[in-house]
Amino acid sequence: MTEQILALCRAMGAGREELLLPLVQAVEGLLAGRLKEGAVPEDCGPAFPLAAAMLVMDRLSGMTEGGNAGEVTSFTVGDLSVRREGGGGGSGRSLSAQAEGLLAPWLEDTGFVFQGVEG
């Protein structure tokens, strides 16, 4: 599956080839560890490698943009204002959030969950 994820990353325009393989392996292991009990990456079909590639691309983007992806910074000196707005992904959701949504049916519950609360 690693080769499949690598191919998807390259198709998405991944740079930083020296970081790609270790990052793919780390993300693949991370996602596999978050699957519901008894589920394996192959159960997810094409969603698993695609979600993994999306996470890798998001991480690579954060590394190449100095970790400021999606942040808004602004400062003014006299009449000159400088502002940087990241993101621009169109949907307003990061690739990581989209990847989580893609794998949601196979992932353990994340976020806020009510358990054992009587009506």
PDB file of N, CA and C in Angstrom:
ATOM      1  N   MET A   1       0.825  -1.189   0.000  1.00  0.00           N
ATOM      2  CA  MET A   1       0.000   0.000   0.000  1.00  0.00           C
ATOM      3  C   MET A   1       0.872   1.257   0.000  1.00  0.00           C
ATOM      4  N   THR A   2       2.078   1.143   0.553  1.00  0.00           N
ATOM      5  CA  THR A   2       2.991   2.289   0.606  1.00  0.00           C
ATOM      6  C   THR A   2       3.260   2.830  -0.791  1.00  0.00           C
ATOM      7  N   GLU A   3       3.493   1.936  -1.742  1.00  0.00           N
ATOM      8  CA  GLU A   3       3.773   2.362  -3.120  1.00  0.00           C
ATOM      9  C   GLU A   3       2.575   3.085  -3.729  1.00  0.00           C
ATOM     10  N   GLN A   4       1.385   2.616  -3.413  1.00  0.00           N
ATOM     11  CA  GLN A   4       0.157   3.249  -3.904  1.00  0.00           C
ATOM     12  C   GLN A   4       0.027   4.671  -3.349  1.00  0.00           C
ATOM     13  N   ILE A   5       0.320   4.840  -2.073  1.00  0.00           N
ATOM     14  CA  ILE A   5       0.249   6.164  -1.438  1.00  0.00           C
ATOM     15  C   ILE A   5       1.310   7.081  -2.034  1.00  0.00           C
ATOM     16  N   LEU A   6       2.522   6.555  -2.219  1.00  0.00           N
ATOM     17  CA  LEU A   6       3.587   7.344  -2.839  1.00  0.00           C
ATOM     18  C   LEU A   6       3.179   7.818  -4.226  1.00  0.00           C
ATOM     19  N   ALA A   7       2.585   6.925  -5.019  1.00  0.00           N
ATOM     20  CA  ALA A   7       2.159   7.284  -6.377  1.00  0.00           C
ATOM     21  C   ALA A   7       1.094   8.378  -6.344  1.00  0.00           C
ATOM     22  N   LEU A   8       0.155   8.292  -5.405  1.00  0.00           N
ATOM     23  CA  LEU A   8      -0.875   9.324  -5.281  1.00  0.00           C
ATOM     24  C   LEU A   8      -0.257  10.659  -4.879  1.00  0.00           C
ATOM     25  N   CYS A   9       0.690  10.633  -3.959  1.00  0.00           N
ATOM     26  CA  CYS A   9       1.358  11.868  -3.537  1.00  0.00           C
ATOM     27  C   CYS A   9       2.075  12.518  -4.715  1.00  0.00           C
ATOM     28  N   ARG A  10       2.757  11.710  -5.485  1.00  0.00           N
ATOM     29  CA  ARG A  10       3.470  12.252  -6.651  1.00  0.00           C
ATOM     30  C   ARG A  10       2.485  12.811  -7.664  1.00  0.00           C
ATOM     31  N   ALA A  11       1.346  12.141  -7.839  1.00  0.00           N
ATOM     32  CA  ALA A  11       0.320  12.645  -8.760  1.00  0.00           C
ATOM     33  C   ALA A  11      -0.261  13.964  -8.278  1.00  0.00           C
ATOM     34  N   MET A  12      -0.251  14.181  -6.960  1.00  0.00           N
ATOM     35  CA  MET A  12      -0.743  15.427  -6.377  1.00  0.00           C
ATOM     36  C   MET A  12       0.319  16.520  -6.380  1.00  0.00           C
ATOM     37  N   GLY A  13       1.515  16.191  -6.886  1.00  0.00           N
ATOM     38  CA  GLY A  13       2.568  17.194  -7.003  1.00  0.00           C
ATOM     39  C   GLY A  13       3.498  17.294  -5.818  1.00  0.00           C
ATOM     40  N   ALA A  14       3.657  16.193  -5.084  1.00  0.00           N
ATOM     41  CA  ALA A  14       4.534  16.223  -3.911  1.00  0.00           C
ATOM     42  C   ALA A  14       5.961  16.568  -4.301  1.00  0.00           C
ATOM     43  N   GLY A  15       6.541  17.437  -3.554  1.00  0.00           N
ATOM     44  CA  GLY A  15       7.957  17.751  -3.676  1.00  0.00           C
ATOM     45  C   GLY A  15       8.673  17.098  -2.515  1.00  0.00           C
ATOM     46  N   ARG A  16       9.858  17.580  -2.226  1.00  0.00           N
ATOM     47  CA  ARG A  16      10.615  17.096  -1.056  1.00  0.00           C
ATOM     48  C   ARG A  16      10.717  15.569  -1.044  1.00  0.00           C
ATOM     49  N   GLU A  17      11.199  15.029  -2.125  1.00  0.00           N
ATOM     50  CA  GLU A  17      11.311  13.575  -2.300  1.00  0.00           C
ATOM     51  C   GLU A  17      12.026  12.902  -1.126  1.00  0.00           C
ATOM     52  N   GLU A  18      12.996  13.587  -0.535  1.00  0.00           N
ATOM     53  CA  GLU A  18      13.743  12.995   0.571  1.00  0.00           C
ATOM     54  C   GLU A  18      12.876  12.792   1.818  1.00  0.00           C
ATOM     55  N   LEU A  19      11.790  13.523   1.927  1.00  0.00           N
ATOM     56  CA  LEU A  19      10.880  13.386   3.070  1.00  0.00           C
ATOM     57  C   LEU A  19       9.703  12.468   2.781  1.00  0.00           C
ATOM     58  N   LEU A  20       9.471  12.210   1.510  1.00  0.00           N
ATOM     59  CA  LEU A  20       8.232  11.555   1.107  1.00  0.00           C
ATOM     60  C   LEU A  20       8.069  10.147   1.681  1.00  0.00           C
ATOM     61  N   LEU A  21       9.037   9.267   1.489  1.00  0.00           N
ATOM     62  CA  LEU A  21       8.899   7.885   1.961  1.00  0.00           C
ATOM     63  C   LEU A  21       8.726   7.808   3.475  1.00  0.00           C
ATOM     64  N   PRO A  22       9.577   8.461   4.280  1.00  0.00           N
ATOM     65  CA  PRO A  22       9.364   8.352   5.729  1.00  0.00           C
ATOM     66  C   PRO A  22       8.033   8.955   6.180  1.00  0.00           C
ATOM     67  N   LEU A  23       7.610  10.017   5.532  1.00  0.00           N
ATOM     68  CA  LEU A  23       6.335  10.632   5.896  1.00  0.00           C
ATOM     69  C   LEU A  23       5.168   9.720   5.524  1.00  0.00           C
ATOM     70  N   VAL A  24       5.230   9.117   4.360  1.00  0.00           N
ATOM     71  CA  VAL A  24       4.185   8.172   3.941  1.00  0.00           C
ATOM     72  C   VAL A  24       4.115   7.010   4.922  1.00  0.00           C
ATOM     73  N   GLN A  25       5.252   6.459   5.298  1.00  0.00           N
ATOM     74  CA  GLN A  25       5.261   5.331   6.229  1.00  0.00           C
ATOM     75  C   GLN A  25       4.684   5.724   7.586  1.00  0.00           C
ATOM     76  N   ALA A  26       5.026   6.910   8.059  1.00  0.00           N
ATOM     77  CA  ALA A  26       4.517   7.375   9.352  1.00  0.00           C
ATOM     78  C   ALA A  26       3.006   7.583   9.310  1.00  0.00           C
ATOM     79  N   VAL A  27       2.525   8.241   8.253  1.00  0.00           N
ATOM     80  CA  VAL A  27       1.090   8.507   8.133  1.00  0.00           C
ATOM     81  C   VAL A  27       0.316   7.207   7.955  1.00  0.00           C
ATOM     82  N   GLU A  28       0.861   6.296   7.168  1.00  0.00           N
ATOM     83  CA  GLU A  28       0.201   4.997   6.962  1.00  0.00           C
ATOM     84  C   GLU A  28       0.043   4.261   8.289  1.00  0.00           C
ATOM     85  N   GLY A  29       1.085   4.243   9.099  1.00  0.00           N
ATOM     86  CA  GLY A  29       1.006   3.598  10.410  1.00  0.00           C
ATOM     87  C   GLY A  29       0.047   4.303  11.354  1.00  0.00           C
ATOM     88  N   LEU A  30       0.065   5.629  11.319  1.00  0.00           N
ATOM     89  CA  LEU A  30      -0.834   6.416  12.162  1.00  0.00           C
ATOM     90  C   LEU A  30      -2.296   6.122  11.826  1.00  0.00           C
ATOM     91  N   LEU A  31      -2.615   6.152  10.545  1.00  0.00           N
ATOM     92  CA  LEU A  31      -3.999   5.891  10.136  1.00  0.00           C
ATOM     93  C   LEU A  31      -4.419   4.460  10.431  1.00  0.00           C
ATOM     94  N   ALA A  32      -3.541   3.510  10.175  1.00  0.00           N
ATOM     95  CA  ALA A  32      -3.863   2.106  10.440  1.00  0.00           C
ATOM     96  C   ALA A  32      -4.156   1.898  11.929  1.00  0.00           C
ATOM     97  N   GLY A  33      -3.434   2.602  12.780  1.00  0.00           N
ATOM     98  CA  GLY A  33      -3.645   2.501  14.218  1.00  0.00           C
ATOM     99  C   GLY A  33      -4.937   3.137  14.693  1.00  0.00           C
ATOM    100  N   ARG A  34      -5.529   3.990  13.884  1.00  0.00           N
ATOM    101  CA  ARG A  34      -6.775   4.669  14.267  1.00  0.00           C
ATOM    102  C   ARG A  34      -8.024   3.966  13.743  1.00  0.00           C
ATOM    103  N   LEU A  35      -7.837   2.892  12.975  1.00  0.00           N
ATOM    104  CA  LEU A  35      -8.995   2.175  12.443  1.00  0.00           C
ATOM    105  C   LEU A  35      -9.727   1.449  13.565  1.00  0.00           C
ATOM    106  N   LYS A  36     -11.026   1.237  13.354  1.00  0.00           N
ATOM    107  CA  LYS A  36     -11.828   0.523  14.336  1.00  0.00           C
ATOM    108  C   LYS A  36     -11.243  -0.864  14.571  1.00  0.00           C
ATOM    109  N   GLU A  37     -11.516  -1.397  15.739  1.00  0.00           N
ATOM    110  CA  GLU A  37     -11.005  -2.709  16.099  1.00  0.00           C
ATOM    111  C   GLU A  37     -11.420  -3.742  15.050  1.00  0.00           C
ATOM    112  N   GLY A  38     -10.454  -4.497  14.586  1.00  0.00           N
ATOM    113  CA  GLY A  38     -10.712  -5.535  13.588  1.00  0.00           C
ATOM    114  C   GLY A  38     -10.617  -5.065  12.148  1.00  0.00           C
ATOM    115  N   ALA A  39     -10.589  -3.751  11.936  1.00  0.00           N
ATOM    116  CA  ALA A  39     -10.500  -3.214  10.569  1.00  0.00           C
ATOM    117  C   ALA A  39      -9.032  -3.107  10.163  1.00  0.00           C
ATOM    118  N   VAL A  40      -8.779  -3.338   8.881  1.00  0.00           N
ATOM    119  CA  VAL A  40      -7.434  -3.198   8.321  1.00  0.00           C
ATOM    120  C   VAL A  40      -7.534  -2.223   7.146  1.00  0.00           C
ATOM    121  N   PRO A  41      -6.421  -1.614   6.761  1.00  0.00           N
ATOM    122  CA  PRO A  41      -6.450  -0.629   5.674  1.00  0.00           C
ATOM    123  C   PRO A  41      -7.138  -1.131   4.394  1.00  0.00           C
ATOM    124  N   GLU A  42      -6.961  -2.401   4.080  1.00  0.00           N
ATOM    125  CA  GLU A  42      -7.563  -2.955   2.865  1.00  0.00           C
ATOM    126  C   GLU A  42      -9.093  -2.925   2.906  1.00  0.00           C
ATOM    127  N   ASP A  43      -9.687  -2.934   4.110  1.00  0.00           N
ATOM    128  CA  ASP A  43     -11.146  -2.861   4.251  1.00  0.00           C
ATOM    129  C   ASP A  43     -11.706  -1.533   3.733  1.00  0.00           C
ATOM    130  N   CYS A  44     -10.873  -0.509   3.711  1.00  0.00           N
ATOM    131  CA  CYS A  44     -11.304   0.840   3.334  1.00  0.00           C
ATOM    132  C   CYS A  44     -11.287   1.062   1.825  1.00  0.00           C
ATOM    133  N   GLY A  45     -10.804   0.095   1.082  1.00  0.00           N
ATOM    134  CA  GLY A  45     -10.730   0.245  -0.369  1.00  0.00           C
ATOM    135  C   GLY A  45      -9.812   1.394  -0.747  1.00  0.00           C
ATOM    136  N   PRO A  46     -10.167   2.128  -1.799  1.00  0.00           N
ATOM    137  CA  PRO A  46      -9.314   3.225  -2.255  1.00  0.00           C
ATOM    138  C   PRO A  46      -9.309   4.432  -1.313  1.00  0.00           C
ATOM    139  N   ALA A  47     -10.229   4.458  -0.341  1.00  0.00           N
ATOM    140  CA  ALA A  47     -10.287   5.590   0.584  1.00  0.00           C
ATOM    141  C   ALA A  47      -9.034   5.680   1.452  1.00  0.00           C
ATOM    142  N   PHE A  48      -8.475   4.535   1.844  1.00  0.00           N
ATOM    143  CA  PHE A  48      -7.310   4.562   2.732  1.00  0.00           C
ATOM    144  C   PHE A  48      -6.089   5.185   2.064  1.00  0.00           C
ATOM    145  N   PRO A  49      -5.656   4.682   0.893  1.00  0.00           N
ATOM    146  CA  PRO A  49      -4.474   5.319   0.296  1.00  0.00           C
ATOM    147  C   PRO A  49      -4.707   6.776  -0.091  1.00  0.00           C
ATOM    148  N   LEU A  50      -5.917   7.118  -0.509  1.00  0.00           N
ATOM    149  CA  LEU A  50      -6.207   8.500  -0.862  1.00  0.00           C
ATOM    150  C   LEU A  50      -6.150   9.397   0.374  1.00  0.00           C
ATOM    151  N   ALA A  51      -6.772   8.963   1.460  1.00  0.00           N
ATOM    152  CA  ALA A  51      -6.737   9.746   2.704  1.00  0.00           C
ATOM    153  C   ALA A  51      -5.305   9.881   3.215  1.00  0.00           C
ATOM    154  N   ALA A  52      -4.531   8.805   3.135  1.00  0.00           N
ATOM    155  CA  ALA A  52      -3.136   8.866   3.576  1.00  0.00           C
ATOM    156  C   ALA A  52      -2.353   9.867   2.727  1.00  0.00           C
ATOM    157  N   ALA A  53      -2.559   9.835   1.419  1.00  0.00           N
ATOM    158  CA  ALA A  53      -1.863  10.773   0.530  1.00  0.00           C
ATOM    159  C   ALA A  53      -2.266  12.213   0.838  1.00  0.00           C
ATOM    160  N   MET A  54      -3.532  12.436   1.145  1.00  0.00           N
ATOM    161  CA  MET A  54      -3.994  13.777   1.485  1.00  0.00           C
ATOM    162  C   MET A  54      -3.326  14.267   2.768  1.00  0.00           C
ATOM    163  N   LEU A  55      -3.209  13.391   3.756  1.00  0.00           N
ATOM    164  CA  LEU A  55      -2.533  13.762   5.000  1.00  0.00           C
ATOM    165  C   LEU A  55      -1.062  14.072   4.751  1.00  0.00           C
ATOM    166  N   VAL A  56      -0.415  13.254   3.935  1.00  0.00           N
ATOM    167  CA  VAL A  56       0.996  13.494   3.616  1.00  0.00           C
ATOM    168  C   VAL A  56       1.153  14.853   2.939  1.00  0.00           C
ATOM    169  N   MET A  57       0.291  15.143   1.978  1.00  0.00           N
ATOM    170  CA  MET A  57       0.385  16.417   1.259  1.00  0.00           C
ATOM    171  C   MET A  57       0.166  17.599   2.194  1.00  0.00           C
ATOM    172  N   ASP A  58      -0.758  17.451   3.135  1.00  0.00           N
ATOM    173  CA  ASP A  58      -1.006  18.519   4.106  1.00  0.00           C
ATOM    174  C   ASP A  58       0.223  18.732   4.984  1.00  0.00           C
ATOM    175  N   ARG A  59       0.838  17.637   5.426  1.00  0.00           N
ATOM    176  CA  ARG A  59       2.048  17.745   6.250  1.00  0.00           C
ATOM    177  C   ARG A  59       3.189  18.363   5.454  1.00  0.00           C
ATOM    178  N   LEU A  60       3.365  17.932   4.209  1.00  0.00           N
ATOM    179  CA  LEU A  60       4.415  18.500   3.363  1.00  0.00           C
ATOM    180  C   LEU A  60       4.198  19.990   3.152  1.00  0.00           C
ATOM    181  N   SER A  61       2.963  20.376   2.951  1.00  0.00           N
ATOM    182  CA  SER A  61       2.627  21.786   2.751  1.00  0.00           C
ATOM    183  C   SER A  61       3.020  22.597   3.980  1.00  0.00           C
ATOM    184  N   GLY A  62       2.737  22.062   5.155  1.00  0.00           N
ATOM    185  CA  GLY A  62       3.100  22.749   6.386  1.00  0.00           C
ATOM    186  C   GLY A  62       4.601  22.878   6.556  1.00  0.00           C
ATOM    187  N   MET A  63       5.340  21.885   6.078  1.00  0.00           N
ATOM    188  CA  MET A  63       6.801  21.922   6.179  1.00  0.00           C
ATOM    189  C   MET A  63       7.403  22.920   5.202  1.00  0.00           C
ATOM    190  N   THR A  64       6.860  22.986   4.001  1.00  0.00           N
ATOM    191  CA  THR A  64       7.444  23.855   2.981  1.00  0.00           C
ATOM    192  C   THR A  64       6.982  25.293   3.122  1.00  0.00           C
ATOM    193  N   GLU A  65       5.886  25.530   3.817  1.00  0.00           N
ATOM    194  CA  GLU A  65       5.394  26.886   4.017  1.00  0.00           C
ATOM    195  C   GLU A  65       5.812  27.417   5.371  1.00  0.00           C
ATOM    196  N   GLY A  66       6.777  26.776   5.980  1.00  0.00           N
ATOM    197  CA  GLY A  66       7.283  27.255   7.265  1.00  0.00           C
ATOM    198  C   GLY A  66       6.330  27.033   8.412  1.00  0.00           C
ATOM    199  N   GLY A  67       5.373  26.117   8.243  1.00  0.00           N
ATOM    200  CA  GLY A  67       4.444  25.821   9.319  1.00  0.00           C
ATOM    201  C   GLY A  67       3.351  26.854   9.488  1.00  0.00           C
ATOM    202  N   ASN A  68       3.231  27.808   8.580  1.00  0.00           N
ATOM    203  CA  ASN A  68       2.230  28.864   8.716  1.00  0.00           C
ATOM    204  C   ASN A  68       1.014  28.637   7.840  1.00  0.00           C
ATOM    205  N   ALA A  69       0.850  27.451   7.288  1.00  0.00           N
ATOM    206  CA  ALA A  69      -0.265  27.207   6.378  1.00  0.00           C
ATOM    207  C   ALA A  69      -1.576  27.501   7.083  1.00  0.00           C
ATOM    208  N   GLY A  70      -2.399  28.318   6.471  1.00  0.00           N
ATOM    209  CA  GLY A  70      -3.709  28.621   7.007  1.00  0.00           C
ATOM    210  C   GLY A  70      -3.740  29.728   8.037  1.00  0.00           C
ATOM    211  N   GLU A  71      -2.591  30.215   8.490  1.00  0.00           N
ATOM    212  CA  GLU A  71      -2.570  31.282   9.473  1.00  0.00           C
ATOM    213  C   GLU A  71      -2.756  32.627   8.796  1.00  0.00           C
ATOM    214  N   VAL A  72      -3.277  33.550   9.526  1.00  0.00           N
ATOM    215  CA  VAL A  72      -3.407  34.916   9.036  1.00  0.00           C
ATOM    216  C   VAL A  72      -2.483  35.779   9.887  1.00  0.00           C
ATOM    217  N   THR A  73      -1.569  36.481   9.233  1.00  0.00           N
ATOM    218  CA  THR A  73      -0.686  37.390   9.951  1.00  0.00           C
ATOM    219  C   THR A  73      -0.817  38.755   9.324  1.00  0.00           C
ATOM    220  N   SER A  74      -0.643  39.768  10.119  1.00  0.00           N
ATOM    221  CA  SER A  74      -0.768  41.120   9.608  1.00  0.00           C
ATOM    222  C   SER A  74       0.087  42.042  10.459  1.00  0.00           C
ATOM    223  N   PHE A  75       0.769  42.951   9.796  1.00  0.00           N
ATOM    224  CA  PHE A  75       1.453  44.003  10.532  1.00  0.00           C
ATOM    225  C   PHE A  75       1.519  45.248   9.653  1.00  0.00           C
ATOM    226  N   THR A  76       1.616  46.387  10.300  1.00  0.00           N
ATOM    227  CA  THR A  76       1.633  47.663   9.600  1.00  0.00           C
ATOM    228  C   THR A  76       2.817  48.477  10.075  1.00  0.00           C
ATOM    229  N   VAL A  77       3.510  49.084   9.119  1.00  0.00           N
ATOM    230  CA  VAL A  77       4.599  50.006   9.410  1.00  0.00           C
ATOM    231  C   VAL A  77       4.302  51.269   8.622  1.00  0.00           C
ATOM    232  N   GLY A  78       3.937  52.317   9.303  1.00  0.00           N
ATOM    233  CA  GLY A  78       3.563  53.546   8.618  1.00  0.00           C
ATOM    234  C   GLY A  78       2.351  53.302   7.727  1.00  0.00           C
ATOM    235  N   ASP A  79       2.489  53.624   6.436  1.00  0.00           N
ATOM    236  CA  ASP A  79       1.404  53.429   5.488  1.00  0.00           C
ATOM    237  C   ASP A  79       1.450  52.060   4.807  1.00  0.00           C
ATOM    238  N   LEU A  80       2.421  51.243   5.158  1.00  0.00           N
ATOM    239  CA  LEU A  80       2.597  49.938   4.519  1.00  0.00           C
ATOM    240  C   LEU A  80       2.001  48.851   5.399  1.00  0.00           C
ATOM    241  N   SER A  81       1.103  48.053   4.833  1.00  0.00           N
ATOM    242  CA  SER A  81       0.534  46.906   5.540  1.00  0.00           C
ATOM    243  C   SER A  81       0.929  45.628   4.822  1.00  0.00           C
ATOM    244  N   VAL A  82       1.316  44.631   5.600  1.00  0.00           N
ATOM    245  CA  VAL A  82       1.655  43.318   5.055  1.00  0.00           C
ATOM    246  C   VAL A  82       0.745  42.306   5.727  1.00  0.00           C
ATOM    247  N   ARG A  83       0.145  41.448   4.897  1.00  0.00           N
ATOM    248  CA  ARG A  83      -0.802  40.468   5.408  1.00  0.00           C
ATOM    249  C   ARG A  83      -0.636  39.181   4.629  1.00  0.00           C
ATOM    250  N   ARG A  84      -0.661  38.072   5.325  1.00  0.00           N
ATOM    251  CA  ARG A  84      -0.572  36.773   4.655  1.00  0.00           C
ATOM    252  C   ARG A  84      -1.758  35.947   5.078  1.00  0.00           C
ATOM    253  N   GLU A  85      -2.506  35.476   4.107  1.00  0.00           N
ATOM    254  CA  GLU A  85      -3.630  34.594   4.381  1.00  0.00           C
ATOM    255  C   GLU A  85      -3.367  33.279   3.692  1.00  0.00           C
ATOM    256  N   GLY A  86      -3.253  32.207   4.482  1.00  0.00           N
ATOM    257  CA  GLY A  86      -3.027  30.881   3.910  1.00  0.00           C
ATOM    258  C   GLY A  86      -4.342  30.221   3.605  1.00  0.00           C
ATOM    259  N   GLY A  87      -4.245  28.939   3.310  1.00  0.00           N
ATOM    260  CA  GLY A  87      -5.444  28.177   3.008  1.00  0.00           C
ATOM    261  C   GLY A  87      -5.677  28.157   1.534  1.00  0.00           C
ATOM    262  N   GLY A  88      -6.714  28.808   1.082  1.00  0.00           N
ATOM    263  CA  GLY A  88      -7.021  28.864  -0.328  1.00  0.00           C
ATOM    264  C   GLY A  88      -7.403  27.524  -0.905  1.00  0.00           C
ATOM    265  N   GLY A  89      -7.754  26.556  -0.052  1.00  0.00           N
ATOM    266  CA  GLY A  89      -8.109  25.234  -0.533  1.00  0.00           C
ATOM    267  C   GLY A  89      -9.474  25.180  -1.166  1.00  0.00           C
ATOM    268  N   GLY A  90     -10.176  26.271  -1.175  1.00  0.00           N
ATOM    269  CA  GLY A  90     -11.475  26.301  -1.833  1.00  0.00           C
ATOM    270  C   GLY A  90     -12.600  25.891  -0.908  1.00  0.00           C
ATOM    271  N   SER A  91     -12.500  24.733  -0.295  1.00  0.00           N
ATOM    272  CA  SER A  91     -13.591  24.252   0.530  1.00  0.00           C
ATOM    273  C   SER A  91     -13.526  24.804   1.938  1.00  0.00           C
ATOM    274  N   GLY A  92     -12.420  25.425   2.307  1.00  0.00           N
ATOM    275  CA  GLY A  92     -12.273  25.947   3.656  1.00  0.00           C
ATOM    276  C   GLY A  92     -11.850  24.880   4.644  1.00  0.00           C
ATOM    277  N   ARG A  93     -11.683  23.651   4.192  1.00  0.00           N
ATOM    278  CA  ARG A  93     -11.257  22.560   5.065  1.00  0.00           C
ATOM    279  C   ARG A  93      -9.874  22.109   4.640  1.00  0.00           C
ATOM    280  N   SER A  94      -9.029  21.837   5.606  1.00  0.00           N
ATOM    281  CA  SER A  94      -7.687  21.362   5.295  1.00  0.00           C
ATOM    282  C   SER A  94      -7.757  19.974   4.683  1.00  0.00           C
ATOM    283  N   LEU A  95      -6.688  19.591   4.018  1.00  0.00           N
ATOM    284  CA  LEU A  95      -6.625  18.237   3.467  1.00  0.00           C
ATOM    285  C   LEU A  95      -6.751  17.198   4.576  1.00  0.00           C
ATOM    286  N   SER A  96      -6.196  17.502   5.744  1.00  0.00           N
ATOM    287  CA  SER A  96      -6.294  16.558   6.863  1.00  0.00           C
ATOM    288  C   SER A  96      -7.744  16.351   7.280  1.00  0.00           C
ATOM    289  N   ALA A  97      -8.505  17.430   7.356  1.00  0.00           N
ATOM    290  CA  ALA A  97      -9.921  17.313   7.728  1.00  0.00           C
ATOM    291  C   ALA A  97     -10.699  16.549   6.662  1.00  0.00           C
ATOM    292  N   GLN A  98     -10.381  16.796   5.403  1.00  0.00           N
ATOM    293  CA  GLN A  98     -11.051  16.071   4.326  1.00  0.00           C
ATOM    294  C   GLN A  98     -10.701  14.583   4.370  1.00  0.00           C
ATOM    295  N   ALA A  99      -9.445  14.274   4.674  1.00  0.00           N
ATOM    296  CA  ALA A  99      -9.013  12.876   4.769  1.00  0.00           C
ATOM    297  C   ALA A  99      -9.741  12.170   5.911  1.00  0.00           C
ATOM    298  N   GLU A 100      -9.878  12.854   7.048  1.00  0.00           N
ATOM    299  CA  GLU A 100     -10.607  12.275   8.184  1.00  0.00           C
ATOM    300  C   GLU A 100     -12.051  11.977   7.801  1.00  0.00           C
ATOM    301  N   GLY A 101     -12.668  12.897   7.074  1.00  0.00           N
ATOM    302  CA  GLY A 101     -14.034  12.682   6.627  1.00  0.00           C
ATOM    303  C   GLY A 101     -14.150  11.497   5.684  1.00  0.00           C
ATOM    304  N   LEU A 102     -13.158  11.344   4.834  1.00  0.00           N
ATOM    305  CA  LEU A 102     -13.142  10.244   3.877  1.00  0.00           C
ATOM    306  C   LEU A 102     -13.064   8.891   4.578  1.00  0.00           C
ATOM    307  N   LEU A 103     -12.300   8.825   5.644  1.00  0.00           N
ATOM    308  CA  LEU A 103     -12.125   7.562   6.377  1.00  0.00           C
ATOM    309  C   LEU A 103     -13.065   7.402   7.568  1.00  0.00           C
ATOM    310  N   ALA A 104     -13.925   8.366   7.790  1.00  0.00           N
ATOM    311  CA  ALA A 104     -14.788   8.363   8.981  1.00  0.00           C
ATOM    312  C   ALA A 104     -15.502   7.032   9.241  1.00  0.00           C
ATOM    313  N   PRO A 105     -16.026   6.353   8.218  1.00  0.00           N
ATOM    314  CA  PRO A 105     -16.727   5.088   8.506  1.00  0.00           C
ATOM    315  C   PRO A 105     -15.836   4.006   9.122  1.00  0.00           C
ATOM    316  N   TRP A 106     -14.536   4.102   8.939  1.00  0.00           N
ATOM    317  CA  TRP A 106     -13.621   3.065   9.428  1.00  0.00           C
ATOM    318  C   TRP A 106     -12.815   3.500  10.642  1.00  0.00           C
ATOM    319  N   LEU A 107     -12.861   4.777  11.012  1.00  0.00           N
ATOM    320  CA  LEU A 107     -12.063   5.274  12.131  1.00  0.00           C
ATOM    321  C   LEU A 107     -12.788   5.115  13.453  1.00  0.00           C
ATOM    322  N   GLU A 108     -11.996   4.929  14.509  1.00  0.00           N
ATOM    323  CA  GLU A 108     -12.550   4.958  15.859  1.00  0.00           C
ATOM    324  C   GLU A 108     -13.182   6.326  16.069  1.00  0.00           C
ATOM    325  N   ASP A 109     -14.120   6.423  17.004  1.00  0.00           N
ATOM    326  CA  ASP A 109     -14.732   7.715  17.298  1.00  0.00           C
ATOM    327  C   ASP A 109     -13.679   8.718  17.724  1.00  0.00           C
ATOM    328  N   THR A 110     -13.806   9.924  17.188  1.00  0.00           N
ATOM    329  CA  THR A 110     -12.898  10.993  17.568  1.00  0.00           C
ATOM    330  C   THR A 110     -13.737  12.182  17.975  1.00  0.00           C
ATOM    331  N   GLY A 111     -13.124  13.098  18.669  1.00  0.00           N
ATOM    332  CA  GLY A 111     -13.839  14.296  19.060  1.00  0.00           C
ATOM    333  C   GLY A 111     -14.739  14.030  20.249  1.00  0.00           C
ATOM    334  N   PHE A 112     -15.868  14.683  20.264  1.00  0.00           N
ATOM    335  CA  PHE A 112     -16.790  14.641  21.406  1.00  0.00           C
ATOM    336  C   PHE A 112     -17.852  13.575  21.177  1.00  0.00           C
ATOM    337  N   VAL A 113     -18.000  12.674  22.127  1.00  0.00           N
ATOM    338  CA  VAL A 113     -18.974  11.583  22.012  1.00  0.00           C
ATOM    339  C   VAL A 113     -19.685  11.439  23.352  1.00  0.00           C
ATOM    340  N   PHE A 114     -21.028  11.320  23.335  1.00  0.00           N
ATOM    341  CA  PHE A 114     -21.775  11.038  24.538  1.00  0.00           C
ATOM    342  C   PHE A 114     -21.778   9.520  24.744  1.00  0.00           C
ATOM    343  N   GLN A 115     -21.411   9.078  25.937  1.00  0.00           N
ATOM    344  CA  GLN A 115     -21.461   7.670  26.247  1.00  0.00           C
ATOM    345  C   GLN A 115     -22.116   7.489  27.605  1.00  0.00           C
ATOM    346  N   GLY A 116     -23.084   6.604  27.659  1.00  0.00           N
ATOM    347  CA  GLY A 116     -23.704   6.267  28.928  1.00  0.00           C
ATOM    348  C   GLY A 116     -24.490   7.398  29.562  1.00  0.00           C
ATOM    349  N   VAL A 117     -25.007   8.326  28.755  1.00  0.00           N
ATOM    350  CA  VAL A 117     -25.786   9.425  29.298  1.00  0.00           C
ATOM    351  C   VAL A 117     -27.257   9.061  29.177  1.00  0.00           C
ATOM    352  N   GLU A 118     -27.947   9.032  30.313  1.00  0.00           N
ATOM    353  CA  GLU A 118     -29.369   8.715  30.290  1.00  0.00           C
ATOM    354  C   GLU A 118     -30.168   9.956  29.951  1.00  0.00           C
ATOM    355  N   GLY A 119     -31.224   9.756  29.138  1.00  0.00           N
ATOM    356  CA  GLY A 119     -32.109  10.810  28.664  1.00  0.00           C
ATOM    357  C   GLY A 119     -32.520  11.755  29.681  1.00  0.00           C
TER     358      GLY A 119
END
